[in-house]
């Protein structure tokens, strides 16, 4: 019969394996780091950026500055009631549940990132047609970011919008993108759909009523190590998962938000 230490080791291994596969932070953000404690301060960029032409005798342009911004770390973990499992653990199939836990953890991390983008987007616009996202809407968001001295390379949409683009043959599906054109690691990411007008497209149900166009390297995420433990190693009643996530747009001018409804669902 397995000890609780062995059960915890098995649960931890399966949750972490599934989490690594599904995790949204590495798909949505350009920079993802692990830190020993919850981060409350992240970098913020400001000032002129882009290429400048300097004529003879003209002063140098103002430098692009990196300062800091305060952020609120969120515990994306949760606890699972194990009372039924503890009573009949040898007869309870846990693999599916552990996989669902990992996906839930990934979604909670993704929500933290998207929430930060929602609150700090440098540009907000409404879709031309309520409830519908078009290539024209995306182009307008790209254009605004370009005028700020940056460029957009990532689009995040709801699965319903993804389906419409695929039906119209407007997304270059990842299965059809030639080898070498994108990284194989990217092709295998579960939320990666393909490309639309040269922009990488990701989908998630978390953006119902919204879409984001942005430069991925503007998004930074700092996570504490993932901790998984029983509440009690002698007679456990709960599985406790803990991880703090902090996220921000380094420069809000690299993020555009498109609302598809009069009041977007957050």
C-alpha atoms as a PDB file:
ATOM      1  CA  UNK A   1       0.000   0.000   0.000  1.00  0.00           C
ATOM      2  CA  UNK A   2       1.286   3.464  -0.909  1.00  0.00           C
ATOM      3  CA  UNK A   3       2.222   5.929   1.776  1.00  0.00           C
ATOM      4  CA  UNK A   4       0.822   9.455   1.671  1.00  0.00           C
ATOM      5  CA  UNK A   5       4.310  10.671   0.764  1.00  0.00           C
ATOM      6  CA  UNK A   6       4.217   8.424  -2.317  1.00  0.00           C
ATOM      7  CA  UNK A   7       0.714   9.559  -3.235  1.00  0.00           C
ATOM      8  CA  UNK A   8       1.790  13.202  -2.953  1.00  0.00           C
ATOM      9  CA  UNK A   9       4.826  12.556  -5.135  1.00  0.00           C
ATOM     10  CA  UNK A  10       2.608  10.928  -7.779  1.00  0.00           C
ATOM     11  CA  UNK A  11       0.006  13.727  -7.673  1.00  0.00           C
ATOM     12  CA  UNK A  12       2.704  16.396  -7.885  1.00  0.00           C
ATOM     13  CA  UNK A  13       4.384  14.747 -10.878  1.00  0.00           C
ATOM     14  CA  UNK A  14       1.128  14.421 -12.844  1.00  0.00           C
ATOM     15  CA  UNK A  15      -0.088  17.940 -12.072  1.00  0.00           C
ATOM     16  CA  UNK A  16       3.238  19.511 -13.039  1.00  0.00           C
ATOM     17  CA  UNK A  17       3.471  17.516 -16.274  1.00  0.00           C
ATOM     18  CA  UNK A  18      -0.018  18.574 -17.370  1.00  0.00           C
ATOM     19  CA  UNK A  19       0.538  22.149 -16.201  1.00  0.00           C
ATOM     20  CA  UNK A  20       3.701  22.488 -18.284  1.00  0.00           C
ATOM     21  CA  UNK A  21       1.797  21.348 -21.355  1.00  0.00           C
ATOM     22  CA  UNK A  22      -1.241  23.597 -20.878  1.00  0.00           C
ATOM     23  CA  UNK A  23       0.276  26.664 -19.208  1.00  0.00           C
ATOM     24  CA  UNK A  24      -0.871  29.865 -20.843  1.00  0.00           C
ATOM     25  CA  UNK A  25       1.769  32.208 -19.470  1.00  0.00           C
ATOM     26  CA  UNK A  26       4.506  30.891 -21.763  1.00  0.00           C
ATOM     27  CA  UNK A  27       2.157  31.222 -24.734  1.00  0.00           C
ATOM     28  CA  UNK A  28       0.838  34.721 -23.988  1.00  0.00           C
ATOM     29  CA  UNK A  29       3.915  36.449 -22.552  1.00  0.00           C
ATOM     30  CA  UNK A  30       7.348  37.139 -23.954  1.00  0.00           C
ATOM     31  CA  UNK A  31       9.122  36.906 -20.621  1.00  0.00           C
ATOM     32  CA  UNK A  32       8.249  34.383 -17.908  1.00  0.00           C
ATOM     33  CA  UNK A  33      10.489  33.998 -14.876  1.00  0.00           C
ATOM     34  CA  UNK A  34      10.414  32.080 -11.614  1.00  0.00           C
ATOM     35  CA  UNK A  35      11.134  34.106  -8.480  1.00  0.00           C
ATOM     36  CA  UNK A  36      11.477  32.979  -4.844  1.00  0.00           C
ATOM     37  CA  UNK A  37       8.718  35.228  -3.456  1.00  0.00           C
ATOM     38  CA  UNK A  38       5.680  37.112  -4.856  1.00  0.00           C
ATOM     39  CA  UNK A  39       6.769  40.079  -6.974  1.00  0.00           C
ATOM     40  CA  UNK A  40       5.196  43.453  -6.226  1.00  0.00           C
ATOM     41  CA  UNK A  41       7.311  45.565  -8.591  1.00  0.00           C
ATOM     42  CA  UNK A  42       7.832  45.075 -12.336  1.00  0.00           C
ATOM     43  CA  UNK A  43       9.616  47.185 -14.968  1.00  0.00           C
ATOM     44  CA  UNK A  44       7.871  49.933 -16.918  1.00  0.00           C
ATOM     45  CA  UNK A  45       9.097  51.596 -20.091  1.00  0.00           C
ATOM     46  CA  UNK A  46       8.404  55.169 -21.183  1.00  0.00           C
ATOM     47  CA  UNK A  47       9.709  57.868 -23.454  1.00  0.00           C
ATOM     48  CA  UNK A  48      10.531  57.980 -27.181  1.00  0.00           C
ATOM     49  CA  UNK A  49      11.246  54.759 -29.003  1.00  0.00           C
ATOM     50  CA  UNK A  50      11.780  53.608 -32.534  1.00  0.00           C
ATOM     51  CA  UNK A  51      14.311  54.625 -35.176  1.00  0.00           C
ATOM     52  CA  UNK A  52      15.421  58.242 -35.361  1.00  0.00           C
ATOM     53  CA  UNK A  53      17.182  60.164 -38.097  1.00  0.00           C
ATOM     54  CA  UNK A  54      19.656  62.639 -36.636  1.00  0.00           C
ATOM     55  CA  UNK A  55      20.917  65.482 -38.791  1.00  0.00           C
ATOM     56  CA  UNK A  56      24.207  67.281 -38.393  1.00  0.00           C
ATOM     57  CA  UNK A  57      24.170  69.561 -35.388  1.00  0.00           C
ATOM     58  CA  UNK A  58      20.807  68.250 -34.137  1.00  0.00           C
ATOM     59  CA  UNK A  59      20.477  67.187 -30.478  1.00  0.00           C
ATOM     60  CA  UNK A  60      20.170  63.546 -29.575  1.00  0.00           C
ATOM     61  CA  UNK A  61      16.605  62.329 -28.939  1.00  0.00           C
ATOM     62  CA  UNK A  62      15.437  61.725 -25.398  1.00  0.00           C
ATOM     63  CA  UNK A  63      16.362  58.210 -24.215  1.00  0.00           C
ATOM     64  CA  UNK A  64      13.865  55.412 -23.696  1.00  0.00           C
ATOM     65  CA  UNK A  65      13.563  55.006 -19.938  1.00  0.00           C
ATOM     66  CA  UNK A  66      12.953  51.948 -17.788  1.00  0.00           C
ATOM     67  CA  UNK A  67      11.433  52.632 -14.383  1.00  0.00           C
ATOM     68  CA  UNK A  68       9.154  50.511 -12.175  1.00  0.00           C
ATOM     69  CA  UNK A  69       5.457  49.940 -11.593  1.00  0.00           C
ATOM     70  CA  UNK A  70       3.619  48.419  -8.640  1.00  0.00           C
ATOM     71  CA  UNK A  71       1.683  45.208  -9.229  1.00  0.00           C
ATOM     72  CA  UNK A  72      -0.453  42.956  -7.062  1.00  0.00           C
ATOM     73  CA  UNK A  73       0.592  39.292  -7.025  1.00  0.00           C
ATOM     74  CA  UNK A  74      -2.295  36.833  -7.206  1.00  0.00           C
ATOM     75  CA  UNK A  75      -2.325  33.348  -5.753  1.00  0.00           C
ATOM     76  CA  UNK A  76      -3.550  31.290  -8.709  1.00  0.00           C
ATOM     77  CA  UNK A  77      -3.608  28.140  -6.595  1.00  0.00           C
ATOM     78  CA  UNK A  78      -6.541  26.548  -4.778  1.00  0.00           C
ATOM     79  CA  UNK A  79      -7.400  23.573  -2.576  1.00  0.00           C
ATOM     80  CA  UNK A  80      -9.123  20.314  -3.468  1.00  0.00           C
ATOM     81  CA  UNK A  81     -11.327  18.373  -1.059  1.00  0.00           C
ATOM     82  CA  UNK A  82      -9.867  14.848  -0.777  1.00  0.00           C
ATOM     83  CA  UNK A  83     -12.280  13.418   1.760  1.00  0.00           C
ATOM     84  CA  UNK A  84     -13.803  10.849  -0.621  1.00  0.00           C
ATOM     85  CA  UNK A  85     -10.411   9.893  -2.042  1.00  0.00           C
ATOM     86  CA  UNK A  86      -8.898   9.457   1.416  1.00  0.00           C
ATOM     87  CA  UNK A  87     -11.584   6.952   2.324  1.00  0.00           C
ATOM     88  CA  UNK A  88     -11.249   4.852  -0.835  1.00  0.00           C
ATOM     89  CA  UNK A  89      -7.983   5.962  -2.413  1.00  0.00           C
ATOM     90  CA  UNK A  90      -7.085   2.575  -3.862  1.00  0.00           C
ATOM     91  CA  UNK A  91     -10.336   2.584  -5.866  1.00  0.00           C
ATOM     92  CA  UNK A  92     -10.478   6.219  -6.965  1.00  0.00           C
ATOM     93  CA  UNK A  93      -9.164   7.121 -10.425  1.00  0.00           C
ATOM     94  CA  UNK A  94      -7.396  10.473 -10.087  1.00  0.00           C
ATOM     95  CA  UNK A  95      -5.604  11.014 -13.420  1.00  0.00           C
ATOM     96  CA  UNK A  96      -8.463  12.874 -15.113  1.00  0.00           C
ATOM     97  CA  UNK A  97      -9.053  15.052 -12.066  1.00  0.00           C
ATOM     98  CA  UNK A  98      -5.355  15.909 -11.777  1.00  0.00           C
ATOM     99  CA  UNK A  99      -5.259  16.858 -15.453  1.00  0.00           C
ATOM    100  CA  UNK A 100      -8.293  19.123 -14.936  1.00  0.00           C
ATOM    101  CA  UNK A 101      -6.555  20.713 -11.942  1.00  0.00           C
ATOM    102  CA  UNK A 102      -3.535  21.515 -14.097  1.00  0.00           C
ATOM    103  CA  UNK A 103      -5.695  23.126 -16.799  1.00  0.00           C
ATOM    104  CA  UNK A 104      -7.533  25.145 -14.157  1.00  0.00           C
ATOM    105  CA  UNK A 105      -4.210  26.347 -12.772  1.00  0.00           C
ATOM    106  CA  UNK A 106      -3.101  27.331 -16.276  1.00  0.00           C
ATOM    107  CA  UNK A 107      -6.336  29.258 -16.876  1.00  0.00           C
ATOM    108  CA  UNK A 108      -5.981  31.120 -13.587  1.00  0.00           C
ATOM    109  CA  UNK A 109      -2.479  32.165 -14.569  1.00  0.00           C
ATOM    110  CA  UNK A 110      -3.712  33.201 -18.017  1.00  0.00           C
ATOM    111  CA  UNK A 111      -6.511  35.237 -16.437  1.00  0.00           C
ATOM    112  CA  UNK A 112      -3.958  37.143 -14.337  1.00  0.00           C
ATOM    113  CA  UNK A 113      -2.001  38.072 -17.477  1.00  0.00           C
ATOM    114  CA  UNK A 114      -5.064  39.044 -19.501  1.00  0.00           C
ATOM    115  CA  UNK A 115      -6.485  41.027 -16.593  1.00  0.00           C
ATOM    116  CA  UNK A 116      -3.263  43.052 -16.410  1.00  0.00           C
ATOM    117  CA  UNK A 117      -3.447  43.663 -20.165  1.00  0.00           C
ATOM    118  CA  UNK A 118      -7.103  44.669 -19.870  1.00  0.00           C
ATOM    119  CA  UNK A 119      -6.359  47.209 -17.148  1.00  0.00           C
ATOM    120  CA  UNK A 120      -3.179  48.648 -18.682  1.00  0.00           C
ATOM    121  CA  UNK A 121      -3.803  48.518 -22.442  1.00  0.00           C
ATOM    122  CA  UNK A 122      -2.506  51.670 -24.098  1.00  0.00           C
ATOM    123  CA  UNK A 123      -5.309  51.691 -26.663  1.00  0.00           C
ATOM    124  CA  UNK A 124      -8.957  50.600 -26.484  1.00  0.00           C
ATOM    125  CA  UNK A 125     -11.275  50.430 -29.472  1.00  0.00           C
ATOM    126  CA  UNK A 126     -14.658  48.947 -30.347  1.00  0.00           C
ATOM    127  CA  UNK A 127     -15.104  46.438 -33.127  1.00  0.00           C
ATOM    128  CA  UNK A 128     -16.855  47.885 -36.158  1.00  0.00           C
ATOM    129  CA  UNK A 129     -19.559  45.239 -35.880  1.00  0.00           C
ATOM    130  CA  UNK A 130     -20.739  44.382 -32.374  1.00  0.00           C
ATOM    131  CA  UNK A 131     -19.916  40.806 -31.455  1.00  0.00           C
ATOM    132  CA  UNK A 132     -17.680  40.275 -34.509  1.00  0.00           C
ATOM    133  CA  UNK A 133     -13.940  40.659 -34.916  1.00  0.00           C
ATOM    134  CA  UNK A 134     -12.627  41.413 -38.404  1.00  0.00           C
ATOM    135  CA  UNK A 135      -9.246  41.758 -40.058  1.00  0.00           C
ATOM    136  CA  UNK A 136      -9.993  45.486 -40.367  1.00  0.00           C
ATOM    137  CA  UNK A 137     -10.339  45.789 -36.569  1.00  0.00           C
ATOM    138  CA  UNK A 138      -7.041  43.981 -36.097  1.00  0.00           C
ATOM    139  CA  UNK A 139      -5.314  46.180 -38.686  1.00  0.00           C
ATOM    140  CA  UNK A 140      -6.488  49.332 -36.871  1.00  0.00           C
ATOM    141  CA  UNK A 141      -5.035  48.053 -33.588  1.00  0.00           C
ATOM    142  CA  UNK A 142      -1.779  47.136 -35.337  1.00  0.00           C
ATOM    143  CA  UNK A 143      -1.623  50.572 -36.915  1.00  0.00           C
ATOM    144  CA  UNK A 144      -2.008  52.313 -33.557  1.00  0.00           C
ATOM    145  CA  UNK A 145       0.785  50.225 -32.002  1.00  0.00           C
ATOM    146  CA  UNK A 146       2.982  50.921 -35.033  1.00  0.00           C
ATOM    147  CA  UNK A 147       2.441  54.648 -34.623  1.00  0.00           C
ATOM    148  CA  UNK A 148       3.767  54.345 -31.069  1.00  0.00           C
ATOM    149  CA  UNK A 149       7.108  53.079 -32.348  1.00  0.00           C
ATOM    150  CA  UNK A 150       6.468  49.371 -31.794  1.00  0.00           C
ATOM    151  CA  UNK A 151       4.930  46.502 -33.713  1.00  0.00           C
ATOM    152  CA  UNK A 152       2.270  43.914 -32.936  1.00  0.00           C
ATOM    153  CA  UNK A 153       3.084  40.227 -33.295  1.00  0.00           C
ATOM    154  CA  UNK A 154       0.373  38.502 -31.226  1.00  0.00           C
ATOM    155  CA  UNK A 155      -3.421  38.259 -31.304  1.00  0.00           C
ATOM    156  CA  UNK A 156      -5.536  36.640 -28.565  1.00  0.00           C
ATOM    157  CA  UNK A 157      -9.134  35.768 -29.446  1.00  0.00           C
ATOM    158  CA  UNK A 158     -12.085  33.722 -28.222  1.00  0.00           C
ATOM    159  CA  UNK A 159     -12.649  30.252 -29.778  1.00  0.00           C
ATOM    160  CA  UNK A 160     -15.825  31.527 -31.470  1.00  0.00           C
ATOM    161  CA  UNK A 161     -13.826  34.200 -33.283  1.00  0.00           C
ATOM    162  CA  UNK A 162     -11.139  31.665 -34.125  1.00  0.00           C
ATOM    163  CA  UNK A 163     -13.757  29.390 -35.710  1.00  0.00           C
ATOM    164  CA  UNK A 164     -15.097  32.254 -37.834  1.00  0.00           C
ATOM    165  CA  UNK A 165     -11.630  33.131 -39.109  1.00  0.00           C
ATOM    166  CA  UNK A 166     -10.929  29.478 -39.926  1.00  0.00           C
ATOM    167  CA  UNK A 167     -14.243  29.116 -41.781  1.00  0.00           C
ATOM    168  CA  UNK A 168     -13.342  32.197 -43.835  1.00  0.00           C
ATOM    169  CA  UNK A 169      -9.880  30.715 -44.439  1.00  0.00           C
ATOM    170  CA  UNK A 170      -8.317  33.846 -42.917  1.00  0.00           C
ATOM    171  CA  UNK A 171      -6.105  32.021 -40.410  1.00  0.00           C
ATOM    172  CA  UNK A 172      -3.068  30.175 -41.720  1.00  0.00           C
ATOM    173  CA  UNK A 173      -3.634  27.073 -39.572  1.00  0.00           C
ATOM    174  CA  UNK A 174      -0.596  25.867 -37.659  1.00  0.00           C
ATOM    175  CA  UNK A 175      -0.803  22.429 -39.276  1.00  0.00           C
ATOM    176  CA  UNK A 176      -0.238  24.047 -42.678  1.00  0.00           C
ATOM    177  CA  UNK A 177       2.639  26.340 -41.724  1.00  0.00           C
ATOM    178  CA  UNK A 178       5.860  24.943 -43.261  1.00  0.00           C
ATOM    179  CA  UNK A 179       8.545  23.406 -41.083  1.00  0.00           C
ATOM    180  CA  UNK A 180      11.101  26.034 -40.146  1.00  0.00           C
ATOM    181  CA  UNK A 181       8.689  28.932 -40.481  1.00  0.00           C
ATOM    182  CA  UNK A 182       7.748  28.685 -36.801  1.00  0.00           C
ATOM    183  CA  UNK A 183       9.343  26.823 -33.917  1.00  0.00           C
ATOM    184  CA  UNK A 184       8.063  23.264 -33.519  1.00  0.00           C
ATOM    185  CA  UNK A 185       7.584  23.993 -29.827  1.00  0.00           C
ATOM    186  CA  UNK A 186       5.204  26.792 -30.797  1.00  0.00           C
ATOM    187  CA  UNK A 187       3.306  24.585 -33.257  1.00  0.00           C
ATOM    188  CA  UNK A 188       2.651  22.089 -30.458  1.00  0.00           C
ATOM    189  CA  UNK A 189       1.291  24.675 -28.015  1.00  0.00           C
ATOM    190  CA  UNK A 190      -2.367  23.765 -27.385  1.00  0.00           C
ATOM    191  CA  UNK A 191      -3.678  27.352 -27.571  1.00  0.00           C
ATOM    192  CA  UNK A 192      -1.763  28.323 -30.698  1.00  0.00           C
ATOM    193  CA  UNK A 193      -4.046  28.540 -33.745  1.00  0.00           C
ATOM    194  CA  UNK A 194      -1.711  29.756 -36.487  1.00  0.00           C
ATOM    195  CA  UNK A 195      -1.098  33.100 -38.192  1.00  0.00           C
ATOM    196  CA  UNK A 196      -3.280  35.902 -39.498  1.00  0.00           C
ATOM    197  CA  UNK A 197      -1.576  38.531 -41.656  1.00  0.00           C
ATOM    198  CA  UNK A 198       1.782  37.628 -40.127  1.00  0.00           C
ATOM    199  CA  UNK A 199       0.546  37.785 -36.517  1.00  0.00           C
ATOM    200  CA  UNK A 200       0.567  34.744 -34.225  1.00  0.00           C
ATOM    201  CA  UNK A 201      -2.962  33.850 -33.125  1.00  0.00           C
ATOM    202  CA  UNK A 202      -3.793  32.309 -29.755  1.00  0.00           C
ATOM    203  CA  UNK A 203      -7.242  31.351 -28.485  1.00  0.00           C
ATOM    204  CA  UNK A 204      -8.743  31.098 -25.012  1.00  0.00           C
ATOM    205  CA  UNK A 205     -12.306  31.206 -23.617  1.00  0.00           C
ATOM    206  CA  UNK A 206     -11.045  33.760 -21.092  1.00  0.00           C
ATOM    207  CA  UNK A 207     -11.477  36.611 -23.586  1.00  0.00           C
ATOM    208  CA  UNK A 208     -15.223  36.368 -24.201  1.00  0.00           C
ATOM    209  CA  UNK A 209     -16.242  39.710 -25.699  1.00  0.00           C
ATOM    210  CA  UNK A 210     -12.644  40.867 -26.086  1.00  0.00           C
ATOM    211  CA  UNK A 211      -9.568  40.546 -28.262  1.00  0.00           C
ATOM    212  CA  UNK A 212      -5.999  41.689 -27.664  1.00  0.00           C
ATOM    213  CA  UNK A 213      -3.454  42.778 -30.250  1.00  0.00           C
ATOM    214  CA  UNK A 214       0.006  43.327 -28.792  1.00  0.00           C
ATOM    215  CA  UNK A 215       3.745  42.855 -28.879  1.00  0.00           C
ATOM    216  CA  UNK A 216       4.476  39.703 -26.899  1.00  0.00           C
ATOM    217  CA  UNK A 217       7.788  40.953 -25.523  1.00  0.00           C
ATOM    218  CA  UNK A 218       5.947  43.772 -23.750  1.00  0.00           C
ATOM    219  CA  UNK A 219       4.330  41.220 -21.411  1.00  0.00           C
ATOM    220  CA  UNK A 220       6.276  40.015 -18.396  1.00  0.00           C
ATOM    221  CA  UNK A 221       5.264  37.374 -15.820  1.00  0.00           C
ATOM    222  CA  UNK A 222       6.939  36.483 -12.531  1.00  0.00           C
ATOM    223  CA  UNK A 223       5.805  33.273 -10.822  1.00  0.00           C
ATOM    224  CA  UNK A 224       6.756  31.765  -7.497  1.00  0.00           C
ATOM    225  CA  UNK A 225       7.610  28.043  -7.510  1.00  0.00           C
ATOM    226  CA  UNK A 226       4.571  25.783  -7.771  1.00  0.00           C
ATOM    227  CA  UNK A 227       3.872  24.210  -4.370  1.00  0.00           C
ATOM    228  CA  UNK A 228       1.665  21.137  -3.981  1.00  0.00           C
ATOM    229  CA  UNK A 229       1.037  19.577  -0.584  1.00  0.00           C
ATOM    230  CA  UNK A 230      -1.480  17.784   1.618  1.00  0.00           C
ATOM    231  CA  UNK A 231      -2.968  19.766   4.477  1.00  0.00           C
ATOM    232  CA  UNK A 232      -1.937  16.921   6.766  1.00  0.00           C
ATOM    233  CA  UNK A 233       0.501  14.120   5.939  1.00  0.00           C
ATOM    234  CA  UNK A 234      -1.070  11.780   8.503  1.00  0.00           C
ATOM    235  CA  UNK A 235      -4.757  12.066   7.562  1.00  0.00           C
ATOM    236  CA  UNK A 236      -5.028  14.450   4.598  1.00  0.00           C
ATOM    237  CA  UNK A 237      -8.374  16.023   3.784  1.00  0.00           C
ATOM    238  CA  UNK A 238      -7.222  18.535   1.166  1.00  0.00           C
ATOM    239  CA  UNK A 239      -4.677  18.919  -1.591  1.00  0.00           C
ATOM    240  CA  UNK A 240      -3.326  22.462  -1.487  1.00  0.00           C
ATOM    241  CA  UNK A 241      -1.822  24.130  -4.564  1.00  0.00           C
ATOM    242  CA  UNK A 242      -0.068  27.475  -4.271  1.00  0.00           C
ATOM    243  CA  UNK A 243       1.609  29.714  -6.808  1.00  0.00           C
ATOM    244  CA  UNK A 244       1.749  33.509  -6.919  1.00  0.00           C
ATOM    245  CA  UNK A 245       1.676  35.200 -10.302  1.00  0.00           C
ATOM    246  CA  UNK A 246       2.530  38.821 -11.080  1.00  0.00           C
ATOM    247  CA  UNK A 247       2.117  40.276 -14.561  1.00  0.00           C
ATOM    248  CA  UNK A 248       2.218  43.615 -16.351  1.00  0.00           C
ATOM    249  CA  UNK A 249       2.714  45.251 -19.708  1.00  0.00           C
ATOM    250  CA  UNK A 250       6.185  46.774 -19.618  1.00  0.00           C
ATOM    251  CA  UNK A 251       5.035  49.476 -22.044  1.00  0.00           C
ATOM    252  CA  UNK A 252       1.239  49.878 -22.414  1.00  0.00           C
ATOM    253  CA  UNK A 253       1.768  51.387 -25.872  1.00  0.00           C
ATOM    254  CA  UNK A 254       2.486  47.865 -27.092  1.00  0.00           C
ATOM    255  CA  UNK A 255      -0.982  46.600 -26.110  1.00  0.00           C
ATOM    256  CA  UNK A 256      -4.322  47.274 -27.828  1.00  0.00           C
ATOM    257  CA  UNK A 257      -7.677  46.022 -26.560  1.00  0.00           C
ATOM    258  CA  UNK A 258     -10.677  45.476 -28.836  1.00  0.00           C
ATOM    259  CA  UNK A 259     -14.134  45.233 -27.270  1.00  0.00           C
ATOM    260  CA  UNK A 260     -16.633  43.176 -29.213  1.00  0.00           C
ATOM    261  CA  UNK A 261     -19.641  44.044 -27.077  1.00  0.00           C
ATOM    262  CA  UNK A 262     -21.007  47.231 -25.508  1.00  0.00           C
ATOM    263  CA  UNK A 263     -19.898  45.832 -22.163  1.00  0.00           C
ATOM    264  CA  UNK A 264     -17.096  43.305 -22.457  1.00  0.00           C
ATOM    265  CA  UNK A 265     -17.124  40.250 -20.230  1.00  0.00           C
ATOM    266  CA  UNK A 266     -14.026  40.160 -18.053  1.00  0.00           C
END
